[in-house]
């Protein structure tokens, strides 16, 4: 149980750390070629779009399953 809790906590800390690091970096869209050295680790727009698609699909599946 401790190992599982440690892995979950580690994953959360890693995700939060990457988010904080990326939020401090400049956007390549905002500053053009100058910002290529300060690229973010995660493309958060794509991650949000994927998360929204997953959430919408889960909601549609839940409605379909619960209507039976």
Protein backbone atom coordinates (compact mmCIF):
# COMPACT_ATOMS: atom_id res chain seq x y z
CA UNK A 1 0.00 0.00 0.00
CA UNK A 2 2.85 2.41 0.81
CA UNK A 3 4.47 1.71 -2.53
CA UNK A 4 1.23 2.39 -4.42
CA UNK A 5 0.67 5.62 -2.48
CA UNK A 6 4.27 6.64 -3.19
CA UNK A 7 3.84 6.03 -6.91
CA UNK A 8 0.61 8.06 -7.03
CA UNK A 9 2.18 10.88 -5.02
CA UNK A 10 5.26 10.82 -7.27
CA UNK A 11 3.14 11.00 -10.41
CA UNK A 12 1.18 13.95 -9.00
CA UNK A 13 4.36 15.76 -7.99
CA UNK A 14 5.86 15.16 -11.43
CA UNK A 15 2.75 16.47 -13.18
CA UNK A 16 2.58 19.54 -10.95
CA UNK A 17 6.28 20.20 -11.40
CA UNK A 18 6.05 20.03 -15.18
CA UNK A 19 3.02 22.32 -15.13
CA UNK A 20 4.81 24.89 -12.97
CA UNK A 21 7.95 24.71 -15.15
CA UNK A 22 5.91 25.10 -18.34
CA UNK A 23 3.87 27.98 -16.95
CA UNK A 24 7.11 29.91 -16.33
CA UNK A 25 8.37 29.41 -19.91
CA UNK A 26 7.52 31.71 -22.79
CA UNK A 27 5.23 30.68 -25.59
CA UNK A 28 6.71 30.20 -29.05
CA UNK A 29 3.52 31.72 -30.47
CA UNK A 30 3.91 34.91 -28.43
CA UNK A 31 7.57 35.56 -29.20
CA UNK A 32 8.32 33.82 -32.50
CA UNK A 33 11.73 32.29 -33.17
CA UNK A 34 13.32 33.75 -30.05
CA UNK A 35 11.27 31.45 -27.84
CA UNK A 36 12.40 28.21 -29.49
CA UNK A 37 15.03 27.73 -26.78
CA UNK A 38 12.35 28.13 -24.09
CA UNK A 39 9.86 25.59 -25.40
CA UNK A 40 7.46 23.99 -22.97
CA UNK A 41 7.69 20.30 -22.11
CA UNK A 42 3.99 19.58 -22.64
CA UNK A 43 1.69 21.02 -25.29
CA UNK A 44 -1.08 21.94 -22.85
CA UNK A 45 -3.57 22.89 -25.59
CA UNK A 46 -3.40 19.39 -27.04
CA UNK A 47 -3.54 17.81 -23.58
CA UNK A 48 -6.66 19.87 -22.73
CA UNK A 49 -8.33 18.93 -26.02
CA UNK A 50 -7.60 15.23 -25.40
CA UNK A 51 -8.88 15.49 -21.82
CA UNK A 52 -12.08 17.22 -23.00
CA UNK A 53 -12.64 14.55 -25.66
CA UNK A 54 -12.14 11.79 -23.06
CA UNK A 55 -14.50 13.49 -20.61
CA UNK A 56 -17.18 14.01 -23.29
CA UNK A 57 -16.92 10.40 -24.45
CA UNK A 58 -17.17 9.11 -20.87
CA UNK A 59 -20.23 11.29 -20.28
CA UNK A 60 -21.92 10.05 -23.49
CA UNK A 61 -21.13 6.43 -22.58
CA UNK A 62 -22.48 6.97 -19.05
CA UNK A 63 -25.72 8.42 -20.42
CA UNK A 64 -26.03 5.52 -22.89
CA UNK A 65 -25.37 2.88 -20.21
CA UNK A 66 -27.59 4.46 -17.56
CA UNK A 67 -30.53 4.83 -19.97
CA UNK A 68 -30.81 1.04 -20.40
